Amino acid sequence: MGLDTEVVRMLLKCRREGVDFRSTLTLGQQSYFPGIRESRRLFRESGLDAATGEKCGRMRPDSGPLWEALGAKQLTAMDASDYEKADWIHDLNHALPENHGHGPFSCVCDVGTMEHVFNFPMALRSALGLVEAGGHFLSFTTMNNYCGHGFYQFSPELFFRVLDQSNGYQLESMIAMEYGPRFAWYEVTDPGLLGRRTNLVNGYRVLLFIRARRLADTPVLLSMPQQSDYTSVWDTGSGSGAAEKAGALRGAESGRVAAWALETFPGLCRMAESIFYSFLNPRYNFRDKSAFRRIRKKQ
């Protein structure tokens, strides 16, 4: 696990936008990857002393100088094993001991750890519970094209549903980072506000960044989240007005046409379906500007 260029750039952005790294917990012992020249450039971009960036590059893979530059006075690393000399040995598959003696922290940072934890809900509950009121939870996790990397890849919907006031949190930022030739960043729209799913089919790896502020020291995940498009249907109901009946009739008619086409031209229908659910459909990739808005990553 480690901090690559895009993650370091985002962490510096978080510092600039007021995240308090004073007491930071990292899930996993983190290595620092950018070299000297790139580190100097990253720090200059953020309005910080390039010499401090050079120190971070020279000290790699030790990430300590970066956390210090971010403002960390206390840095704690948690891991399931003492293989990398973590400060706190705990398997996130299990609940935290009642008297664990750590935290709360001004910032809990997950950089590529929780997708490797089988009991993800338990891990997330523990991580969110370790943040002090007013502090932040940061996560850089797998979103797309990471099959085989860990146990899971995550939909943005998951974090939109969890990080809300019912769990004592406010989601401040969610950004999809496409690790393609442009290393583009996209702000993700909440499917609950969009009224449909934020589907994504693309050709490069995508990392999901989440920044959420803890509003209050309240219990986390006492109730399990539900996907927004389902709850919308459940809350709305089928209805009985003229518009609903007309829609139902149109749906029935189109259903009969689709059934006829599938029976008559099955191969052609399967081919059309594969094209519809592919990167060629702008509703299923980053060209869907209502779901993914391209943002500038350099200030």
Protein backbone atom coordinates (compact mmCIF):
# COMPACT_ATOMS: atom_id res chain seq x y z
CA MET A 1 0.00 0.00 0.00
CA GLY A 2 1.27 3.45 -0.75
CA LEU A 3 0.79 7.06 -1.76
CA ASP A 4 1.17 7.64 -5.50
CA THR A 5 1.19 10.98 -7.31
CA GLU A 6 -2.58 11.41 -7.54
CA VAL A 7 -3.14 10.44 -3.91
CA VAL A 8 -0.42 12.85 -2.72
CA ARG A 9 -1.92 15.62 -4.87
CA MET A 10 -5.33 14.98 -3.31
CA LEU A 11 -3.95 14.89 0.23
CA LEU A 12 -2.26 18.26 -0.35
CA LYS A 13 -5.58 19.58 -1.71
CA CYS A 14 -7.33 18.35 1.45
CA ARG A 15 -4.81 20.22 3.60
CA ARG A 16 -5.36 23.37 1.57
CA GLU A 17 -9.14 23.02 2.02
CA GLY A 18 -8.99 22.70 5.80
CA VAL A 19 -8.65 18.99 6.67
CA ASP A 20 -6.94 18.72 10.05
CA PHE A 21 -4.18 16.09 9.95
CA ARG A 22 -3.03 16.89 13.51
CA SER A 23 -3.69 13.33 14.75
CA THR A 24 -3.88 10.94 11.81
CA LEU A 25 -4.63 7.22 11.66
CA THR A 26 -3.68 5.40 8.47
CA LEU A 27 -5.23 2.03 7.74
CA GLY A 28 -2.13 0.11 6.73
CA GLN A 29 1.48 1.24 6.83
CA GLN A 30 1.80 3.61 3.86
CA SER A 31 4.80 3.98 1.54
CA TYR A 32 5.61 7.14 -0.42
CA PHE A 33 6.09 6.65 -4.19
CA PRO A 34 6.73 10.00 -6.02
CA GLY A 35 10.35 10.85 -6.77
CA ILE A 36 12.24 14.04 -5.89
CA ARG A 37 11.42 16.04 -9.01
CA GLU A 38 7.75 15.10 -8.96
CA SER A 39 7.48 15.79 -5.23
CA ARG A 40 8.92 19.29 -5.70
CA ARG A 41 6.33 19.95 -8.42
CA LEU A 42 3.44 18.66 -6.31
CA PHE A 43 4.37 20.92 -3.40
CA ARG A 44 4.83 23.97 -5.67
CA GLU A 45 1.37 23.31 -7.15
CA SER A 46 -0.07 23.42 -3.63
CA GLY A 47 1.69 26.65 -2.69
CA LEU A 48 4.09 24.88 -0.32
CA ASP A 49 7.86 24.92 -0.06
CA ALA A 50 9.35 22.80 -2.86
CA ALA A 51 12.26 21.92 -0.54
CA THR A 52 9.79 20.10 1.72
CA GLY A 53 8.60 18.14 -1.30
CA GLU A 54 12.22 17.30 -2.12
CA LYS A 55 12.65 15.93 1.41
CA CYS A 56 9.59 13.70 0.91
CA GLY A 57 11.06 12.39 -2.35
CA ARG A 58 14.47 11.74 -0.83
CA MET A 59 13.00 9.90 2.15
CA ARG A 60 10.82 7.55 0.10
CA PRO A 61 9.45 4.96 0.71
CA ASP A 62 9.04 6.47 4.20
CA SER A 63 5.82 8.54 4.10
CA GLY A 64 6.47 10.19 7.47
CA PRO A 65 7.78 13.49 6.01
CA LEU A 66 4.62 13.90 3.93
CA TRP A 67 2.30 13.42 6.91
CA GLU A 68 4.46 15.88 8.85
CA ALA A 69 4.14 18.40 6.01
CA LEU A 70 0.38 17.89 6.08
CA GLY A 71 0.40 18.90 9.75
CA ALA A 72 0.47 15.56 11.57
CA LYS A 73 1.76 15.82 15.14
CA GLN A 74 0.70 12.27 15.92
CA LEU A 75 0.76 9.55 13.23
CA THR A 76 -0.57 6.06 13.92
CA ALA A 77 -0.60 3.16 11.47
CA MET A 78 -3.01 0.25 11.96
CA ASP A 79 -2.45 -3.15 10.35
CA ALA A 80 -3.59 -6.74 10.81
CA SER A 81 0.05 -7.88 10.99
CA ASP A 82 3.27 -6.55 12.49
CA TYR A 83 5.07 -7.38 9.21
CA GLU A 84 5.51 -3.67 8.38
CA LYS A 85 5.94 -2.55 12.00
CA ALA A 86 2.54 -0.89 12.36
CA ASP A 87 1.82 0.97 15.60
CA TRP A 88 -1.56 -0.67 16.21
CA ILE A 89 -2.10 -4.32 15.37
CA HIS A 90 -5.76 -5.00 14.73
CA ASP A 91 -7.65 -7.08 12.15
CA LEU A 92 -10.44 -4.89 10.78
CA ASN A 93 -12.54 -7.99 10.13
CA HIS A 94 -13.33 -7.82 13.86
CA ALA A 95 -14.83 -5.15 16.09
CA LEU A 96 -12.48 -2.86 17.96
CA PRO A 97 -11.82 -3.88 21.58
CA GLU A 98 -13.71 -1.64 24.00
CA ASN A 99 -10.55 -0.35 25.69
CA HIS A 100 -8.22 -0.20 22.70
CA GLY A 101 -6.52 2.97 23.92
CA HIS A 102 -6.37 4.77 20.55
CA GLY A 103 -8.09 7.85 19.15
CA PRO A 104 -10.27 9.56 18.48
CA PHE A 105 -8.36 10.99 15.53
CA SER A 106 -8.73 14.26 13.63
CA CYS A 107 -8.28 12.26 10.42
CA VAL A 108 -8.67 8.58 9.55
CA CYS A 109 -7.18 7.80 6.14
CA ASP A 110 -7.79 4.62 4.15
CA VAL A 111 -5.44 4.33 1.17
CA GLY A 112 -6.18 1.01 -0.48
CA THR A 113 -6.83 -1.08 2.63
CA MET A 114 -10.53 -1.76 3.08
CA GLU A 115 -11.04 -3.43 -0.32
CA HIS A 116 -8.79 -6.19 1.09
CA VAL A 117 -10.89 -6.69 4.24
CA PHE A 118 -13.55 -9.38 3.81
CA ASN A 119 -15.80 -8.00 6.55
CA PHE A 120 -16.06 -4.59 4.92
CA PRO A 121 -19.09 -3.27 6.88
CA MET A 122 -17.28 -3.97 10.15
CA ALA A 123 -14.11 -2.29 8.88
CA LEU A 124 -16.04 0.78 7.73
CA ARG A 125 -17.96 1.03 11.01
CA SER A 126 -14.71 0.91 12.99
CA ALA A 127 -12.93 3.45 10.79
CA LEU A 128 -15.80 5.94 10.89
CA GLY A 129 -16.16 5.52 14.65
CA LEU A 130 -12.50 6.47 15.23
CA VAL A 131 -12.92 9.99 13.80
CA GLU A 132 -13.47 12.78 16.32
CA ALA A 133 -16.41 15.17 15.89
CA GLY A 134 -15.33 17.80 13.36
CA GLY A 135 -12.64 15.49 11.97
CA HIS A 136 -12.46 13.81 8.59
CA PHE A 137 -12.60 10.35 7.06
CA LEU A 138 -10.60 10.06 3.82
CA SER A 139 -10.65 7.03 1.56
CA PHE A 140 -8.88 6.18 -1.69
CA THR A 141 -10.36 2.92 -2.88
CA THR A 142 -11.00 0.80 -5.95
CA MET A 143 -13.94 1.79 -8.14
CA ASN A 144 -13.50 0.29 -11.62
CA ASN A 145 -11.23 -2.15 -13.50
CA TYR A 146 -9.47 -3.44 -10.40
CA CYS A 147 -10.89 -6.97 -10.64
CA GLY A 148 -8.55 -9.35 -8.81
CA HIS A 149 -6.83 -6.59 -6.84
CA GLY A 150 -8.76 -7.21 -3.64
CA PHE A 151 -12.06 -8.64 -2.46
CA TYR A 152 -14.10 -5.68 -3.68
CA GLN A 153 -14.58 -2.79 -6.09
CA PHE A 154 -16.94 -0.08 -4.82
CA SER A 155 -19.82 1.86 -6.31
CA PRO A 156 -20.07 5.57 -5.39
CA GLU A 157 -23.65 4.82 -4.31
CA LEU A 158 -22.32 2.92 -1.29
CA PHE A 159 -20.56 5.93 0.20
CA PHE A 160 -23.33 8.38 -0.69
CA ARG A 161 -25.76 6.24 1.31
CA VAL A 162 -23.47 5.66 4.30
CA LEU A 163 -21.88 9.08 4.77
CA ASP A 164 -24.96 11.10 5.71
CA GLN A 165 -26.48 12.68 8.80
CA SER A 166 -28.09 9.42 9.93
CA ASN A 167 -24.56 8.19 10.62
CA GLY A 168 -23.28 11.53 11.89
CA TYR A 169 -21.41 12.43 8.70
CA GLN A 170 -21.48 14.93 5.85
CA LEU A 171 -19.93 13.89 2.55
CA GLU A 172 -17.88 16.84 1.30
CA SER A 173 -16.25 15.45 -1.83
CA MET A 174 -16.34 12.38 -4.05
CA ILE A 175 -13.97 12.22 -7.00
CA ALA A 176 -13.33 9.44 -9.50
CA MET A 177 -9.68 9.42 -10.63
CA GLU A 178 -9.17 7.74 -14.01
CA TYR A 179 -5.68 6.32 -14.28
CA GLY A 180 -5.51 6.77 -18.05
CA PRO A 181 -3.18 8.91 -20.18
CA ARG A 182 -4.69 12.15 -18.80
CA PHE A 183 -5.10 11.07 -15.15
CA ALA A 184 -8.42 12.93 -15.19
CA TRP A 185 -10.52 13.73 -12.11
CA TYR A 186 -14.33 13.67 -12.18
CA GLU A 187 -16.73 14.85 -9.50
CA VAL A 188 -19.40 12.18 -9.00
CA THR A 189 -23.09 13.05 -8.73
CA ASP A 190 -25.20 11.39 -6.06
CA PRO A 191 -27.46 8.82 -7.79
CA GLY A 192 -30.17 9.77 -5.29
CA LEU A 193 -30.17 13.32 -6.68
CA LEU A 194 -29.67 12.19 -10.28
CA GLY A 195 -32.64 9.82 -10.10
CA ARG A 196 -30.74 6.96 -11.73
CA ARG A 197 -27.63 4.88 -11.34
CA THR A 198 -24.16 6.26 -12.08
CA ASN A 199 -23.00 3.42 -14.32
CA LEU A 200 -19.44 3.30 -15.62
CA VAL A 201 -17.82 1.23 -18.37
CA ASN A 202 -14.33 2.45 -19.28
CA GLY A 203 -10.93 1.18 -20.37
CA TYR A 204 -8.68 2.30 -17.50
CA ARG A 205 -8.42 1.80 -13.75
CA VAL A 206 -10.48 4.19 -11.66
CA LEU A 207 -9.78 5.06 -8.03
CA LEU A 208 -12.53 6.60 -5.92
CA PHE A 209 -11.70 9.37 -3.44
CA ILE A 210 -14.06 10.13 -0.57
CA ARG A 211 -13.82 12.99 1.92
CA ALA A 212 -16.39 13.18 4.71
CA ARG A 213 -16.58 15.26 7.88
CA ARG A 214 -17.94 13.83 11.11
CA LEU A 215 -20.70 16.07 12.41
CA ALA A 216 -21.32 14.39 15.76
CA ASP A 217 -20.12 11.49 17.87
CA THR A 218 -23.17 9.33 17.12
CA PRO A 219 -23.38 5.56 16.53
CA VAL A 220 -22.49 4.50 12.98
CA LEU A 221 -24.44 2.05 10.80
CA LEU A 222 -27.15 1.15 13.28
CA SER A 223 -29.33 0.55 10.21
CA MET A 224 -28.16 -0.78 6.88
CA PRO A 225 -28.26 1.52 3.80
CA GLN A 226 -30.52 0.79 0.82
CA GLN A 227 -29.80 1.66 -2.80
CA SER A 228 -31.47 4.94 -3.78
CA ASP A 229 -33.26 3.80 -6.94
CA TYR A 230 -35.02 1.04 -5.01
CA THR A 231 -36.06 3.25 -2.10
CA SER A 232 -37.36 5.81 -4.58
CA VAL A 233 -39.67 3.22 -6.16
CA TRP A 234 -40.76 1.91 -2.75
CA ASP A 235 -41.52 5.41 -1.47
CA THR A 236 -43.32 6.56 -4.62
CA GLY A 237 -45.40 3.46 -5.24
CA SER A 238 -46.87 2.43 -8.55
CA GLY A 239 -49.57 5.16 -8.57
CA SER A 240 -52.97 5.08 -10.25
CA GLY A 241 -53.22 8.39 -12.10
CA ALA A 242 -53.70 8.87 -15.83
CA ALA A 243 -50.01 9.53 -16.42
CA GLU A 244 -49.01 6.34 -14.62
CA LYS A 245 -51.59 4.31 -16.58
CA ALA A 246 -50.39 5.79 -19.87
CA GLY A 247 -46.80 4.97 -18.95
CA ALA A 248 -47.79 1.43 -18.06
CA LEU A 249 -49.53 1.01 -21.43
CA ARG A 250 -46.48 2.32 -23.30
CA GLY A 251 -44.29 -0.01 -21.28
CA ALA A 252 -46.49 -2.99 -22.06
CA GLU A 253 -46.45 -2.13 -25.77
CA SER A 254 -42.67 -1.74 -25.90
CA GLY A 255 -42.38 -4.98 -23.96
CA ARG A 256 -44.40 -6.82 -26.61
CA VAL A 257 -42.20 -5.37 -29.36
CA ALA A 258 -39.04 -6.35 -27.50
CA ALA A 259 -40.35 -9.88 -26.94
CA TRP A 260 -41.18 -10.21 -30.66
CA ALA A 261 -37.73 -8.93 -31.70
CA LEU A 262 -35.95 -11.24 -29.27
CA GLU A 263 -37.92 -14.22 -30.56
CA THR A 264 -37.38 -13.30 -34.22
CA PHE A 265 -33.80 -11.95 -34.19
CA PRO A 266 -32.15 -13.29 -31.01
CA GLY A 267 -28.54 -12.90 -32.18
CA LEU A 268 -29.08 -9.33 -33.35
CA CYS A 269 -30.84 -8.43 -30.09
CA ARG A 270 -27.99 -9.82 -27.99
CA MET A 271 -25.49 -7.85 -30.07
CA ALA A 272 -27.51 -4.63 -29.68
CA GLU A 273 -27.74 -5.23 -25.93
CA SER A 274 -23.96 -5.68 -25.62
CA ILE A 275 -23.37 -2.39 -27.47
CA PHE A 276 -25.96 -0.57 -25.33
CA TYR A 277 -24.24 -1.62 -22.09
CA SER A 278 -20.75 -0.70 -23.29
CA PHE A 279 -18.39 2.29 -23.36
CA LEU A 280 -19.96 3.24 -26.70
CA ASN A 281 -23.07 4.43 -24.86
CA PRO A 282 -22.33 7.90 -23.40
CA ARG A 283 -24.67 7.13 -20.49
CA TYR A 284 -22.22 4.43 -19.36
CA ASN A 285 -18.91 6.32 -19.33
CA PHE A 286 -17.30 9.59 -18.28
CA ARG A 287 -19.02 11.41 -21.16
CA ASP A 288 -22.18 11.34 -19.02
CA LYS A 289 -21.70 14.88 -17.71
CA SER A 290 -24.74 14.74 -15.44
CA ALA A 291 -23.12 11.87 -13.51
CA PHE A 292 -19.40 12.76 -13.88
CA ARG A 293 -18.21 16.35 -14.07
CA ARG A 294 -14.57 16.88 -15.13
CA ILE A 295 -12.72 19.10 -12.66
CA ARG A 296 -9.33 20.75 -12.54
CA LYS A 297 -6.89 18.98 -10.26
CA LYS A 298 -4.20 21.67 -10.35
CA GLN A 299 -4.83 24.92 -8.53
